[in-house]
Amino acid sequence: MAISQLRNAAPGATAESWLRIHIEAAAVFVCFLGFLARLWAASGTFLNPDEALHFRLANQLSLALAYKESLTASHPPLLTLLLYFWRALGTSELWLRLPSVLAGVAFCWMFYKWFSNAAGDLAGFIALLFVALLPPIVLLSAEVRQYALLLAFLASALYFLDDAFGKKSAARMAAFTLCLYLAMLSHYSAFLFAAALGIYALLRIFRERQPASLASVWAIGQLGALALAILLYKTHISKLGLGESRTVLQGWMSEFFLRRSYFDSAHDNPVLFLVGHSFGVFQYFFGQLAVGDAIGLLFVVGVALLLRGKGFLYGRSSSRWLGIVLLLPFAIAGGASLAHVYPYGGTRHIAFLIIPGVAGASVAMARLAAGRWARGLAIAAFVLVACIAFGKPRLPRMDRADQSRMQMTAAMEFVQQNIEASGLIFTDYESDLILGHYLCQQQPISFETSSQDFEVFSCGYRVVSANYKSAPLTSNSFVDLWHRLIETYRLEPGETVWIFQAGWQADLPEDLRRHFAEFHNLGFEQFGNNIKIFKMTVGQRMPAAVP
């Protein structure tokens, strides 16, 4: 039947006809391309500081210790516990990143299955192309992070929830509940998405008069989700940011690197903040400013079309339900930022908005194509090419050549050949995470009693690092920390201290050269642009003041 249809089709429609008939096979192929893209991104580079931290938390002598260490991070424990077992089979960078790679591909497939059922094959296939191949989304699922797990479980939850309503299936509703729990255990932003799904499901239950048995399964699942949220809050969330000026519910992360992603009533207009940061969301996902702005406009168009019930096969009611489920996560995320609870804007922390964001824009593209596959795929291909060719990754980042695994291998060889076993290495917290991973050859690290300013561990060499509250070493902080290091550990004149810096910011030797005459002739070794090593001697001439 498929062959006869192809023979009768017009020559220009052959490819389009094949796609219509073999849409599932085409979707599998796109997912395979997404897998290859993620596999390439995950291979050949050393771990960044965040990845090294996630492994360090999991790299413990017992499961109980791994869980205890997970409570020191700002994420739920699922990834830490997964890595605890996963590391038994290998600790190479690619192996540690493989769970994210596989979860990223699972997300692509489940997202496609849900969205093609909800909005039609063309919109679903366009959306699949974006989530499988857009560089920022690929990178999110090619690192040792929680976001690929989060997206895979949320997409699965959406698929099972809509399927449960469509088939009146209690078993599907139970599967939705399980996926929702796993998403909540992956990343705390899932709480916001869970709230959106809760409102959406409640509306559908009452408006569509769903069976009491199905509503009961959903209600019991929601009570379980509430209990899980309370448990995570009591045992973990409430303890985050202790000692800082803001509580967790005031957004303790705003004390640090996400300040601009929180609404500030003293400086921000709420409407302008929401509009600007909403477009920032799309700029981040698509990796290109102009394209991101255009996609943001398409999202608005797509959601408006859905809410008006226009342009879809499944009827006005189904279109409106889809519009609601796409709009609610943005509304709740924006509201959380206005309340200073969670960051909102162009950062990875709002990765859950990939689902409604890409879906809404894909609806508009399918509508612009008027159901014609060739036109719709041409629009999607143009966007993808523009993002890949002209996209600019967001900070913090390292160029792939600088993050090459060979650079780290060369740096560790330099350490072993030039630093005596009794030597002291001084570093900052981000660099300490990377150094500990590679210097200790992926073995568990035991810390000595830490001081107020420093943390210490040994594995062949004694490593002293500034504590986690300190920023990467710069000319503005190094001189003061140097004097405190000497005083704290009573270093004698003439002792050699090696300075190691690696990660997103590794500019300390150049900064010292620029700002202080005493360091104009400072020599250092560099391995790419993101690993620097140099030595200093206790008692050498130092600047009198920091500029």
Protein backbone atom coordinates (compact mmCIF):
# COMPACT_ATOMS: atom_id res chain seq x y z
CA MET A 1 0.00 0.00 0.00
CA ALA A 2 2.81 2.39 0.91
CA ILE A 3 4.60 1.72 -2.42
CA SER A 4 1.48 2.33 -4.50
CA GLN A 5 0.87 5.59 -2.66
CA LEU A 6 4.39 6.72 -3.44
CA ARG A 7 4.02 5.82 -7.15
CA ASN A 8 0.83 7.83 -7.45
CA ALA A 9 2.28 10.87 -5.67
CA ALA A 10 3.58 13.86 -7.58
CA PRO A 11 7.40 13.84 -7.94
CA GLY A 12 7.84 16.83 -5.65
CA ALA A 13 5.72 15.20 -2.98
CA THR A 14 7.64 11.91 -2.82
CA ALA A 15 9.72 12.78 0.25
CA GLU A 16 6.71 14.28 2.00
CA SER A 17 4.62 11.19 1.27
CA TRP A 18 7.36 8.91 2.57
CA LEU A 19 7.55 10.90 5.81
CA ARG A 20 3.79 10.72 6.30
CA ILE A 21 3.81 6.94 5.85
CA HIS A 22 7.03 6.23 7.78
CA ILE A 23 6.82 8.93 10.42
CA GLU A 24 7.78 6.59 13.28
CA ALA A 25 10.89 5.39 11.43
CA ALA A 26 11.86 8.98 10.64
CA ALA A 27 11.43 9.91 14.32
CA VAL A 28 13.63 7.00 15.39
CA PHE A 29 16.29 8.18 12.93
CA VAL A 30 16.18 11.73 14.32
CA CYS A 31 16.54 10.35 17.85
CA PHE A 32 19.55 8.36 16.66
CA LEU A 33 21.08 11.57 15.26
CA GLY A 34 20.41 13.18 18.63
CA PHE A 35 22.16 10.28 20.33
CA LEU A 36 25.23 10.68 18.10
CA ALA A 37 25.31 14.44 18.75
CA ARG A 38 25.17 13.87 22.51
CA LEU A 39 27.74 11.10 22.37
CA TRP A 40 30.17 13.36 20.53
CA ALA A 41 29.58 16.25 22.94
CA ALA A 42 30.13 13.93 25.92
CA SER A 43 33.42 12.47 24.68
CA GLY A 44 36.98 13.76 24.66
CA THR A 45 36.73 16.51 27.30
CA PHE A 46 37.60 16.63 31.00
CA LEU A 47 34.91 17.23 33.60
CA ASN A 48 33.93 20.81 34.36
CA PRO A 49 33.72 21.89 38.04
CA ASP A 50 30.01 21.10 38.42
CA GLU A 51 30.43 17.65 36.89
CA ALA A 52 33.39 16.93 39.15
CA LEU A 53 31.31 18.02 42.15
CA HIS A 54 28.45 15.65 41.28
CA PHE A 55 30.90 12.75 40.99
CA ARG A 56 32.66 13.71 44.24
CA LEU A 57 29.35 13.62 46.12
CA ALA A 58 28.60 10.14 44.79
CA ASN A 59 32.14 8.78 45.10
CA GLN A 60 31.82 7.57 48.69
CA LEU A 61 32.58 4.39 50.60
CA SER A 62 28.91 3.61 51.27
CA LEU A 63 25.46 4.46 49.99
CA ALA A 64 24.62 6.15 53.28
CA LEU A 65 27.64 8.45 52.94
CA ALA A 66 26.68 9.25 49.34
CA TYR A 67 23.19 10.26 50.46
CA LYS A 68 24.64 12.34 53.30
CA GLU A 69 26.93 14.14 50.86
CA SER A 70 24.02 14.75 48.46
CA LEU A 71 22.43 16.91 51.17
CA THR A 72 25.28 19.42 50.79
CA ALA A 73 24.30 20.11 47.16
CA SER A 74 21.39 22.20 45.91
CA HIS A 75 19.74 19.28 44.08
CA PRO A 76 17.67 16.24 45.07
CA PRO A 77 19.57 12.97 45.65
CA LEU A 78 18.62 10.88 42.59
CA LEU A 79 21.65 11.67 40.40
CA THR A 80 24.06 11.21 43.30
CA LEU A 81 22.60 7.80 44.14
CA LEU A 82 22.59 6.78 40.47
CA LEU A 83 26.26 7.75 40.08
CA TYR A 84 27.14 5.88 43.27
CA PHE A 85 26.17 2.61 41.57
CA TRP A 86 27.15 3.64 38.03
CA ARG A 87 30.82 4.34 38.94
CA ALA A 88 31.32 0.66 39.79
CA LEU A 89 31.38 -0.04 36.04
CA GLY A 90 33.77 2.77 35.09
CA THR A 91 34.81 6.34 35.81
CA SER A 92 35.82 7.72 32.41
CA GLU A 93 34.27 11.01 31.41
CA LEU A 94 32.15 9.40 28.70
CA TRP A 95 30.92 6.67 31.03
CA LEU A 96 29.95 9.14 33.75
CA ARG A 97 28.08 11.23 31.19
CA LEU A 98 26.34 8.26 29.56
CA PRO A 99 23.27 8.28 31.90
CA SER A 100 22.61 11.87 30.81
CA VAL A 101 23.12 10.94 27.14
CA LEU A 102 20.66 8.06 27.36
CA ALA A 103 18.16 10.11 29.35
CA GLY A 104 18.46 12.88 26.75
CA VAL A 105 17.53 10.48 23.96
CA ALA A 106 14.66 9.07 26.05
CA PHE A 107 13.42 12.62 26.53
CA CYS A 108 13.45 13.22 22.76
CA TRP A 109 11.36 10.11 22.12
CA MET A 110 8.83 10.59 24.92
CA PHE A 111 8.46 14.27 24.09
CA TYR A 112 7.78 13.37 20.45
CA LYS A 113 5.25 10.68 21.39
CA TRP A 114 3.36 13.04 23.68
CA PHE A 115 3.40 16.06 21.42
CA SER A 116 2.61 14.29 18.15
CA ASN A 117 -0.44 12.77 19.86
CA ALA A 118 -1.44 16.19 21.19
CA ALA A 119 -0.75 18.43 18.17
CA GLY A 120 -0.32 16.18 15.14
CA ASP A 121 2.60 14.50 13.40
CA LEU A 122 4.01 17.58 11.66
CA ALA A 123 4.18 19.73 14.81
CA GLY A 124 5.54 16.74 16.73
CA PHE A 125 8.27 16.06 14.18
CA ILE A 126 9.35 19.72 14.05
CA ALA A 127 9.58 19.78 17.83
CA LEU A 128 11.58 16.55 17.79
CA LEU A 129 14.13 18.05 15.40
CA PHE A 130 14.68 20.93 17.82
CA VAL A 131 15.04 18.95 21.05
CA ALA A 132 17.24 16.33 19.36
CA LEU A 133 19.65 18.68 17.57
CA LEU A 134 19.71 22.19 19.07
CA PRO A 135 23.26 22.61 20.52
CA PRO A 136 22.25 24.03 23.95
CA ILE A 137 19.77 21.19 24.51
CA VAL A 138 22.31 18.62 23.31
CA LEU A 139 24.90 20.00 25.74
CA LEU A 140 22.46 19.87 28.67
CA SER A 141 22.18 16.11 28.18
CA ALA A 142 25.90 15.51 27.55
CA GLU A 143 27.15 16.49 31.01
CA VAL A 144 27.03 14.95 34.47
CA ARG A 145 23.96 16.96 35.47
CA GLN A 146 20.33 16.40 36.47
CA TYR A 147 18.60 18.09 33.53
CA ALA A 148 18.40 15.15 31.13
CA LEU A 149 16.82 12.99 33.83
CA LEU A 150 14.42 15.82 34.68
CA LEU A 151 13.32 16.29 31.07
CA ALA A 152 12.95 12.56 30.40
CA PHE A 153 10.72 12.05 33.45
CA LEU A 154 8.64 15.20 32.81
CA ALA A 155 8.02 14.30 29.15
CA SER A 156 7.06 10.79 30.22
CA ALA A 157 4.73 12.20 32.88
CA LEU A 158 2.98 14.37 30.28
CA TYR A 159 2.62 11.44 27.89
CA PHE A 160 1.11 9.13 30.52
CA LEU A 161 -1.16 11.85 31.95
CA ASP A 162 -2.76 12.69 28.61
CA ASP A 163 -2.94 9.00 27.72
CA ALA A 164 -4.65 8.26 31.05
CA PHE A 165 -7.30 10.88 30.33
CA GLY A 166 -7.77 9.70 26.76
CA LYS A 167 -8.04 5.99 27.61
CA LYS A 168 -9.58 6.38 31.10
CA SER A 169 -6.71 4.23 32.33
CA ALA A 170 -5.82 4.04 36.03
CA ALA A 171 -2.61 2.17 35.15
CA ARG A 172 -1.49 5.05 32.93
CA MET A 173 -2.29 7.49 35.72
CA ALA A 174 -0.14 5.45 38.09
CA ALA A 175 2.70 5.57 35.53
CA PHE A 176 2.28 9.37 35.37
CA THR A 177 2.58 9.55 39.15
CA LEU A 178 5.77 7.48 39.20
CA CYS A 179 7.40 9.63 36.52
CA LEU A 180 6.41 12.77 38.41
CA TYR A 181 8.04 11.46 41.60
CA LEU A 182 11.25 10.63 39.73
CA ALA A 183 11.31 14.11 38.19
CA MET A 184 10.94 15.66 41.66
CA LEU A 185 13.85 13.53 42.86
CA SER A 186 15.95 14.70 39.91
CA HIS A 187 15.70 18.49 40.15
CA TYR A 188 13.76 20.92 42.32
CA SER A 189 12.44 22.86 39.33
CA ALA A 190 10.16 19.85 38.81
CA PHE A 191 8.08 21.25 41.69
CA LEU A 192 7.06 24.15 39.44
CA PHE A 193 6.16 21.84 36.56
CA ALA A 194 4.29 19.55 38.95
CA ALA A 195 2.20 22.53 40.07
CA ALA A 196 1.36 23.30 36.43
CA LEU A 197 0.37 19.68 35.77
CA GLY A 198 -1.69 19.62 38.96
CA ILE A 199 -3.77 22.61 37.85
CA TYR A 200 -4.11 21.21 34.31
CA ALA A 201 -5.21 17.77 35.53
CA LEU A 202 -7.67 19.20 38.04
CA LEU A 203 -9.31 21.31 35.33
CA ARG A 204 -9.62 18.32 33.01
CA ILE A 205 -11.04 16.07 35.73
CA PHE A 206 -13.86 18.51 36.51
CA ARG A 207 -14.56 19.80 32.99
CA GLU A 208 -14.48 16.41 31.29
CA ARG A 209 -16.16 14.51 34.14
CA GLN A 210 -13.43 11.88 34.30
CA PRO A 211 -14.33 8.57 36.03
CA ALA A 212 -14.17 8.62 39.81
CA SER A 213 -11.71 5.71 39.82
CA LEU A 214 -9.29 7.66 37.60
CA ALA A 215 -9.70 10.82 39.67
CA SER A 216 -9.02 8.80 42.84
CA VAL A 217 -5.75 7.42 41.48
CA TRP A 218 -4.70 10.93 40.49
CA ALA A 219 -5.65 12.38 43.90
CA ILE A 220 -3.74 9.68 45.79
CA GLY A 221 -0.74 10.32 43.57
CA GLN A 222 -0.94 14.04 44.26
CA LEU A 223 -1.02 13.43 48.00
CA GLY A 224 2.09 11.29 47.58
CA ALA A 225 3.77 14.09 45.62
CA LEU A 226 2.89 16.54 48.38
CA ALA A 227 4.34 14.18 50.99
CA LEU A 228 7.51 13.79 48.92
CA ALA A 229 7.82 17.56 48.59
CA ILE A 230 7.43 18.02 52.34
CA LEU A 231 10.03 15.30 53.00
CA LEU A 232 12.54 16.90 50.63
CA TYR A 233 11.88 20.30 52.15
CA LYS A 234 12.34 19.10 55.73
CA THR A 235 15.43 16.99 55.08
CA HIS A 236 17.17 19.16 52.48
CA ILE A 237 15.70 22.33 50.99
CA SER A 238 15.15 24.08 54.31
CA LYS A 239 18.84 23.67 55.13
CA LEU A 240 20.15 25.19 51.90
CA GLY A 241 21.67 28.63 52.23
CA LEU A 242 21.89 28.53 56.02
CA GLY A 243 23.95 31.44 57.20
CA GLU A 244 23.14 33.55 54.15
CA SER A 245 21.10 36.74 54.33
CA ARG A 246 18.16 35.21 52.41
CA THR A 247 16.15 32.13 53.25
CA VAL A 248 15.54 29.35 50.73
CA LEU A 249 12.07 30.67 49.95
CA GLN A 250 13.62 34.08 49.27
CA GLY A 251 15.88 32.55 46.68
CA TRP A 252 19.22 31.90 48.36
CA MET A 253 20.86 31.36 44.94
CA SER A 254 20.30 35.06 44.25
CA GLU A 255 23.17 35.74 46.67
CA PHE A 256 25.54 34.32 44.09
CA PHE A 257 25.64 33.87 40.32
CA LEU A 258 21.90 34.04 39.52
CA ARG A 259 21.14 37.48 40.93
CA ARG A 260 19.86 38.86 37.62
CA SER A 261 17.46 35.96 37.17
CA TYR A 262 15.40 37.04 40.20
CA PHE A 263 12.96 39.91 40.17
CA ASP A 264 14.16 42.84 42.27
CA SER A 265 11.37 45.27 43.15
CA ALA A 266 13.94 48.00 43.82
CA HIS A 267 15.23 47.97 40.24
CA ASP A 268 12.88 45.96 38.01
CA ASN A 269 9.50 46.66 36.44
CA PRO A 270 7.53 43.38 36.80
CA VAL A 271 6.05 43.46 33.29
CA LEU A 272 9.35 44.33 31.61
CA PHE A 273 11.12 41.72 33.74
CA LEU A 274 8.73 38.95 32.71
CA VAL A 275 8.75 39.87 29.03
CA GLY A 276 12.51 40.31 28.81
CA HIS A 277 13.34 37.17 30.75
CA SER A 278 10.77 35.12 28.84
CA PHE A 279 12.54 35.96 25.61
CA GLY A 280 15.80 35.17 27.40
CA VAL A 281 14.46 31.65 27.93
CA PHE A 282 14.15 31.12 24.17
CA GLN A 283 17.50 32.78 23.49
CA TYR A 284 19.11 30.26 25.79
CA PHE A 285 17.38 27.15 24.38
CA PHE A 286 18.10 28.10 20.76
CA GLY A 287 21.56 29.53 21.44
CA GLN A 288 21.12 32.54 19.16
CA LEU A 289 19.72 35.89 20.24
CA ALA A 290 17.77 36.92 17.11
CA VAL A 291 16.45 33.41 16.50
CA GLY A 292 15.49 33.11 20.16
CA ASP A 293 13.47 36.32 19.98
CA ALA A 294 11.70 35.14 16.83
CA ILE A 295 10.93 31.77 18.42
CA GLY A 296 9.57 33.56 21.49
CA LEU A 297 7.12 35.40 19.25
CA LEU A 298 6.17 32.14 17.54
CA PHE A 299 5.49 30.61 20.96
CA VAL A 300 3.05 33.43 21.74
CA VAL A 301 1.35 32.88 18.37
CA GLY A 302 1.20 29.13 18.86
CA VAL A 303 -0.33 29.32 22.33
CA ALA A 304 -2.84 31.97 21.15
CA LEU A 305 -3.91 29.68 18.29
CA LEU A 306 -4.36 26.78 20.68
CA LEU A 307 -6.36 28.77 23.20
CA ARG A 308 -8.64 29.95 20.40
CA GLY A 309 -9.06 26.33 19.26
CA LYS A 310 -7.88 26.93 15.69
CA GLY A 311 -5.95 24.83 13.24
CA PHE A 312 -5.90 21.35 14.75
CA LEU A 313 -7.27 17.95 13.94
CA TYR A 314 -8.44 17.05 17.40
CA GLY A 315 -11.07 19.66 18.00
CA ARG A 316 -11.33 22.97 19.77
CA SER A 317 -11.42 21.44 23.26
CA SER A 318 -8.21 19.43 22.78
CA SER A 319 -6.42 22.46 21.36
CA ARG A 320 -7.38 24.56 24.35
CA TRP A 321 -6.19 21.92 26.80
CA LEU A 322 -2.83 21.86 25.01
CA GLY A 323 -2.63 25.66 25.12
CA ILE A 324 -3.26 25.61 28.86
CA VAL A 325 -0.60 22.99 29.57
CA LEU A 326 1.96 24.98 27.54
CA LEU A 327 1.17 28.31 29.16
CA LEU A 328 0.96 27.23 32.82
CA PRO A 329 4.66 26.34 33.34
CA PHE A 330 5.75 29.78 32.08
CA ALA A 331 3.18 31.51 34.28
CA ILE A 332 4.23 29.58 37.38
CA ALA A 333 7.96 29.99 36.70
CA GLY A 334 7.52 33.73 36.17
CA GLY A 335 5.44 34.01 39.33
CA ALA A 336 8.09 32.11 41.33
CA SER A 337 10.72 34.60 40.21
CA LEU A 338 8.51 37.58 41.04
CA ALA A 339 8.15 36.06 44.52
CA HIS A 340 11.95 35.66 44.64
CA VAL A 341 11.68 31.88 45.01
CA TYR A 342 13.30 30.58 41.80
CA PRO A 343 15.40 32.06 38.97
CA TYR A 344 13.75 32.84 35.63
CA GLY A 345 15.51 33.68 32.37
CA GLY A 346 18.23 32.42 30.09
CA THR A 347 19.91 29.85 32.34
CA ARG A 348 19.94 26.06 32.48
CA HIS A 349 17.94 26.17 35.72
CA ILE A 350 14.71 26.62 33.75
CA ALA A 351 15.41 23.63 31.48
CA PHE A 352 11.92 22.27 32.20
CA LEU A 353 10.54 25.11 30.03
CA ILE A 354 12.12 23.43 27.00
CA ILE A 355 9.01 21.23 26.87
CA PRO A 356 6.32 23.93 26.61
CA GLY A 357 8.61 26.42 24.84
CA VAL A 358 9.61 24.19 21.93
CA ALA A 359 6.10 22.74 21.71
CA GLY A 360 4.40 26.14 21.45
CA ALA A 361 6.80 27.40 18.78
CA SER A 362 6.40 24.16 16.80
CA VAL A 363 2.62 24.60 16.80
CA ALA A 364 3.06 28.01 15.16
CA MET A 365 5.50 26.62 12.58
CA ALA A 366 3.12 23.81 11.65
CA ARG A 367 0.36 26.38 11.28
CA LEU A 368 2.57 28.59 9.07
CA ALA A 369 3.29 25.55 6.91
CA ALA A 370 -0.48 25.02 6.48
CA GLY A 371 0.01 21.30 7.09
CA ARG A 372 2.54 20.94 4.24
CA TRP A 373 5.47 18.86 5.42
CA ALA A 374 8.01 20.22 2.94
CA ARG A 375 7.34 23.79 4.04
CA GLY A 376 7.26 22.94 7.74
CA LEU A 377 10.52 20.99 7.62
CA ALA A 378 12.17 23.75 5.59
CA ILE A 379 11.29 26.29 8.30
CA ALA A 380 12.63 23.98 11.01
CA ALA A 381 15.81 23.27 9.02
CA PHE A 382 16.43 26.98 8.49
CA VAL A 383 16.12 27.63 12.23
CA LEU A 384 18.42 24.72 13.09
CA VAL A 385 21.11 25.76 10.61
CA ALA A 386 20.99 29.36 11.85
CA CYS A 387 21.37 28.22 15.47
CA ILE A 388 24.21 25.81 14.71
CA ALA A 389 26.09 28.17 12.41
CA PHE A 390 25.60 31.45 14.29
CA GLY A 391 24.81 30.35 17.81
CA LYS A 392 26.90 31.52 20.74
CA PRO A 393 27.05 29.36 23.88
CA ARG A 394 26.18 31.07 27.15
CA LEU A 395 28.72 31.54 29.91
CA PRO A 396 30.18 29.81 31.82
CA ARG A 397 31.82 27.73 29.11
CA MET A 398 35.10 26.33 27.87
CA ASP A 399 36.06 25.89 24.23
CA ARG A 400 36.19 22.24 23.30
CA ALA A 401 39.90 22.41 22.38
CA ASP A 402 40.74 23.95 25.77
CA GLN A 403 38.65 21.33 27.58
CA SER A 404 40.28 18.47 25.69
CA ARG A 405 41.09 15.45 27.85
CA MET A 406 44.64 15.62 26.46
CA GLN A 407 45.13 19.02 28.12
CA MET A 408 44.29 17.52 31.52
CA THR A 409 46.54 14.52 30.91
CA ALA A 410 49.44 16.85 30.12
CA ALA A 411 48.71 18.97 33.22
CA MET A 412 48.72 15.92 35.51
CA GLU A 413 51.99 14.73 33.97
CA PHE A 414 53.49 18.15 34.68
CA VAL A 415 52.36 17.96 38.32
CA GLN A 416 53.87 14.50 38.78
CA GLN A 417 57.17 15.45 37.13
CA ASN A 418 57.69 18.88 38.73
CA ILE A 419 56.05 18.89 42.16
CA GLU A 420 57.58 16.89 44.98
CA ALA A 421 55.34 14.51 46.87
CA SER A 422 55.69 16.70 49.96
CA GLY A 423 54.82 19.82 47.97
CA LEU A 424 51.84 22.05 48.71
CA ILE A 425 49.31 22.93 46.02
CA PHE A 426 47.02 25.94 46.54
CA THR A 427 43.87 26.41 44.50
CA ASP A 428 40.33 27.79 44.50
CA TYR A 429 37.18 25.76 45.05
CA GLU A 430 36.24 25.22 41.39
CA SER A 431 39.79 24.16 40.54
CA ASP A 432 39.93 21.92 43.63
CA LEU A 433 36.95 19.92 42.31
CA ILE A 434 38.73 19.21 39.04
CA LEU A 435 42.17 18.70 40.60
CA GLY A 436 40.85 16.28 43.19
CA HIS A 437 39.12 14.21 40.52
CA TYR A 438 42.20 13.77 38.36
CA LEU A 439 45.04 13.98 40.88
CA CYS A 440 43.40 11.38 43.14
CA GLN A 441 42.55 9.21 40.09
CA GLN A 442 38.80 9.08 40.86
CA GLN A 443 39.32 7.69 44.37
CA PRO A 444 37.15 8.89 47.30
CA ILE A 445 38.56 12.02 48.93
CA SER A 446 38.79 12.50 52.68
CA PHE A 447 39.11 16.07 53.93
CA GLU A 448 41.15 17.16 56.88
CA THR A 449 39.65 19.52 59.44
CA SER A 450 38.91 22.68 57.47
CA SER A 451 39.51 26.21 58.66
CA GLN A 452 37.16 29.12 58.13
CA ASP A 453 38.88 30.01 54.86
CA PHE A 454 40.36 26.77 53.53
CA GLU A 455 39.69 23.08 52.88
CA VAL A 456 42.49 20.48 52.81
CA PHE A 457 42.89 16.97 51.39
CA SER A 458 45.83 14.75 50.50
CA CYS A 459 46.40 12.13 47.83
CA GLY A 460 50.11 12.03 47.16
CA TYR A 461 50.18 15.82 47.43
CA ARG A 462 48.70 18.14 50.01
CA VAL A 463 46.05 20.36 48.42
CA VAL A 464 44.70 23.48 50.12
CA SER A 465 41.79 25.27 48.49
CA ALA A 466 39.75 28.34 49.28
CA ASN A 467 36.35 27.24 50.61
CA TYR A 468 33.19 26.93 48.52
CA LYS A 469 32.02 30.46 49.33
CA SER A 470 35.08 31.96 47.63
CA ALA A 471 35.04 33.06 44.00
CA PRO A 472 37.75 31.79 41.61
CA LEU A 473 41.13 33.30 42.44
CA THR A 474 41.74 36.72 40.90
CA SER A 475 44.25 39.49 41.47
CA ASN A 476 41.70 41.11 43.80
CA SER A 477 41.55 38.14 46.16
CA PHE A 478 44.80 36.26 45.77
CA VAL A 479 47.14 38.51 47.78
CA ASP A 480 44.92 38.47 50.85
CA LEU A 481 44.37 34.69 50.62
CA TRP A 482 48.10 34.16 50.19
CA HIS A 483 48.85 35.94 53.47
CA ARG A 484 46.08 34.03 55.24
CA LEU A 485 47.39 30.73 53.81
CA ILE A 486 50.86 31.40 55.23
CA GLU A 487 49.47 32.39 58.60
CA THR A 488 46.97 29.52 58.87
CA TYR A 489 49.43 26.76 57.99
CA ARG A 490 52.55 28.47 59.41
CA LEU A 491 54.53 28.19 56.23
CA GLU A 492 58.23 28.97 56.55
CA PRO A 493 60.17 31.41 54.32
CA GLY A 494 61.66 29.61 51.36
CA GLU A 495 58.89 26.99 51.08
CA THR A 496 57.51 26.48 47.59
CA VAL A 497 53.77 26.60 46.94
CA TRP A 498 52.32 25.62 43.58
CA ILE A 499 49.20 27.41 42.37
CA PHE A 500 46.78 25.37 40.25
CA GLN A 501 43.77 26.88 38.49
CA ALA A 502 41.38 25.11 36.13
CA GLY A 503 37.79 25.49 35.06
CA TRP A 504 35.67 28.20 33.52
CA GLN A 505 37.88 30.99 34.85
CA ALA A 506 41.63 30.38 34.85
CA ASP A 507 43.15 33.83 34.37
CA LEU A 508 44.98 34.32 37.68
CA PRO A 509 48.60 34.51 36.39
CA GLU A 510 47.67 36.96 33.65
CA ASP A 511 45.66 39.07 36.15
CA LEU A 512 48.60 39.19 38.55
CA ARG A 513 50.93 40.27 35.74
CA ARG A 514 48.61 43.07 34.69
CA HIS A 515 47.86 44.48 38.11
CA PHE A 516 51.06 44.16 40.14
CA ALA A 517 54.61 45.17 39.28
CA GLU A 518 55.87 42.39 41.55
CA PHE A 519 54.39 39.81 39.15
CA HIS A 520 55.37 41.33 35.80
CA ASN A 521 57.83 38.50 35.20
CA LEU A 522 55.67 35.73 36.67
CA GLY A 523 56.17 32.52 34.73
CA PHE A 524 53.47 29.91 34.40
CA GLU A 525 52.56 26.76 32.53
CA GLN A 526 49.29 26.58 30.65
CA PHE A 527 47.49 23.66 29.10
CA GLY A 528 44.96 25.26 26.82
CA ASN A 529 43.30 28.42 28.11
CA ASN A 530 41.58 26.79 31.07
CA ILE A 531 44.40 25.12 33.02
CA LYS A 532 47.22 27.24 34.52
CA ILE A 533 49.99 26.21 36.93
CA PHE A 534 52.74 28.36 38.52
CA LYS A 535 54.82 28.41 41.69
CA MET A 536 55.55 30.96 44.39
CA THR A 537 57.94 31.08 47.31
CA VAL A 538 56.97 31.98 50.84
CA GLY A 539 58.69 35.24 51.76
CA GLN A 540 59.01 36.55 48.20
CA ARG A 541 58.16 40.17 47.59
CA MET A 542 54.42 40.73 47.52
CA PRO A 543 52.19 43.72 46.71
CA ALA A 544 51.38 45.93 49.66
CA ALA A 545 47.75 46.49 48.70
CA VAL A 546 45.07 45.20 46.40
CA PRO A 547 44.00 47.66 43.68
